[in-house]
Amino acid sequence: MIGCAAHVQHNNINMLTMPVLCSRPWGAHTSFTNRAGNVVRHIRQTQGEVELCTTAWAKMYESIVTFDLLPGSGTLPSDSADAVGRVDGGGPAVGTVHLCEAPGAFISATNHFIRSQR
């Protein structure tokens, strides 16, 4: 029977070598199962300069468009811009709250949508 210290040492060796041994099959598996893997590349190629283009950016932009979440995307009637105020560029002012760990891509997608709709 192997002692506790030997088990720990054996496990540590396995943990150190596992990424090297499994990285190629794991990468192939994740590439195969991630059907949206080319979305970010496609956005970068077709949309020009997109700040912080990540999968989270694509999810937020898709949500804005699909569910008409912002003024100018179909939710608010044209005269409602007066109720929410206007910004210097003449478009309606928009206030958003993003409850997530790191909202940078969500904010970037929101800004991109607003700028591209003007």
Protein backbone atom coordinates (compact mmCIF):
# COMPACT_ATOMS: atom_id res chain seq x y z
CA MET A 1 0.00 0.00 0.00
CA ILE A 2 1.30 3.42 -0.97
CA GLY A 3 1.57 6.03 1.78
CA CYS A 4 -0.23 9.38 1.75
CA ALA A 5 2.88 11.35 0.78
CA ALA A 6 3.45 9.04 -2.18
CA HIS A 7 -0.15 9.58 -3.35
CA VAL A 8 0.25 13.33 -3.14
CA GLN A 9 3.52 13.20 -5.07
CA HIS A 10 1.96 10.90 -7.70
CA ASN A 11 -1.06 13.22 -8.09
CA ASN A 12 1.16 16.30 -8.38
CA ILE A 13 3.18 14.64 -11.14
CA ASN A 14 -0.05 13.72 -12.95
CA MET A 15 -1.44 17.26 -12.66
CA LEU A 16 1.78 18.71 -14.07
CA THR A 17 1.89 16.36 -17.05
CA MET A 18 -1.84 16.25 -17.82
CA PRO A 19 -2.05 19.59 -19.69
CA VAL A 20 0.86 18.54 -21.91
CA LEU A 21 -0.59 15.11 -22.59
CA CYS A 22 -4.21 16.22 -23.09
CA SER A 23 -3.96 19.67 -24.65
CA ARG A 24 -4.19 18.55 -28.28
CA PRO A 25 -7.17 16.16 -27.87
CA TRP A 26 -8.89 18.65 -25.55
CA GLY A 27 -8.39 21.47 -28.06
CA ALA A 28 -9.80 19.33 -30.85
CA HIS A 29 -12.78 18.42 -28.68
CA THR A 30 -13.57 22.01 -27.69
CA SER A 31 -13.18 23.22 -31.28
CA PHE A 32 -15.58 20.51 -32.45
CA THR A 33 -18.18 21.19 -29.76
CA ASN A 34 -18.03 25.01 -29.93
CA ARG A 35 -20.32 25.62 -32.91
CA ALA A 36 -20.07 29.40 -32.46
CA GLY A 37 -16.28 29.39 -32.60
CA ASN A 38 -16.12 31.31 -35.88
CA VAL A 39 -18.66 33.98 -34.91
CA VAL A 40 -16.16 36.38 -33.36
CA ARG A 41 -13.78 36.02 -36.31
CA HIS A 42 -16.65 36.68 -38.72
CA ILE A 43 -17.74 39.80 -36.80
CA ARG A 44 -14.19 41.17 -36.81
CA GLN A 45 -13.88 40.58 -40.56
CA THR A 46 -17.26 42.03 -41.55
CA GLN A 47 -17.94 44.80 -39.03
CA GLY A 48 -14.62 46.63 -39.19
CA GLU A 49 -13.40 48.14 -35.96
CA VAL A 50 -15.27 46.45 -33.11
CA GLU A 51 -13.99 47.30 -29.68
CA LEU A 52 -13.49 44.27 -27.41
CA CYS A 53 -15.07 41.75 -29.78
CA THR A 54 -15.57 38.55 -27.80
CA THR A 55 -18.21 35.85 -27.50
CA ALA A 56 -19.82 37.94 -24.74
CA TRP A 57 -19.92 40.91 -27.15
CA ALA A 58 -21.70 38.76 -29.74
CA LYS A 59 -24.19 37.48 -27.15
CA MET A 60 -25.05 41.00 -26.01
CA TYR A 61 -25.38 42.38 -29.53
CA GLU A 62 -27.59 39.45 -30.53
CA SER A 63 -29.78 40.03 -27.45
CA ILE A 64 -30.17 43.73 -28.24
CA VAL A 65 -31.20 43.02 -31.82
CA THR A 66 -33.34 39.94 -31.17
CA PHE A 67 -35.32 41.36 -28.25
CA ASP A 68 -35.43 45.05 -29.29
CA LEU A 69 -33.79 46.16 -26.05
CA LEU A 70 -32.71 49.71 -26.93
CA PRO A 71 -34.29 52.84 -28.39
CA GLY A 72 -33.86 52.78 -32.12
CA SER A 73 -34.11 49.01 -32.27
CA GLY A 74 -37.89 49.10 -32.38
CA THR A 75 -38.96 49.18 -28.72
CA LEU A 76 -39.71 52.84 -28.21
CA PRO A 77 -41.93 54.96 -30.44
CA SER A 78 -40.09 57.83 -32.14
CA ASP A 79 -41.63 60.47 -29.84
CA SER A 80 -40.44 58.62 -26.70
CA ALA A 81 -36.91 59.96 -27.25
CA ASP A 82 -38.16 63.23 -25.80
CA ALA A 83 -39.21 61.39 -22.64
CA VAL A 84 -35.81 59.74 -22.10
CA GLY A 85 -33.77 62.77 -23.15
CA ARG A 86 -31.26 63.35 -25.92
CA VAL A 87 -27.50 63.28 -26.14
CA ASP A 88 -25.29 65.76 -28.01
CA GLY A 89 -25.45 63.76 -31.25
CA GLY A 90 -29.24 64.13 -31.32
CA GLY A 91 -30.09 60.51 -30.54
CA PRO A 92 -32.01 59.39 -27.48
CA ALA A 93 -30.08 59.08 -24.23
CA VAL A 94 -29.71 55.49 -23.09
CA GLY A 95 -29.03 54.20 -19.61
CA THR A 96 -28.09 50.55 -19.13
CA VAL A 97 -27.19 48.26 -16.25
CA HIS A 98 -25.11 45.14 -16.88
CA LEU A 99 -25.11 42.68 -14.00
CA CYS A 100 -22.17 40.43 -14.74
CA GLU A 101 -18.66 39.79 -13.52
CA ALA A 102 -16.85 41.75 -16.24
CA PRO A 103 -19.31 43.83 -18.30
CA GLY A 104 -16.75 45.38 -20.68
CA ALA A 105 -17.82 43.42 -23.75
CA PHE A 106 -21.51 43.98 -22.97
CA ILE A 107 -20.95 47.73 -22.70
CA SER A 108 -18.88 47.71 -25.88
CA ALA A 109 -21.62 45.84 -27.78
CA THR A 110 -24.24 48.28 -26.49
CA ASN A 111 -22.11 51.25 -27.60
CA HIS A 112 -21.52 49.65 -31.01
CA PHE A 113 -25.24 49.10 -31.51
CA ILE A 114 -26.08 52.69 -30.55
CA ARG A 115 -23.38 54.14 -32.82
CA SER A 116 -24.31 51.93 -35.76
CA GLN A 117 -28.01 52.87 -35.51
CA ARG A 118 -27.43 56.63 -35.80
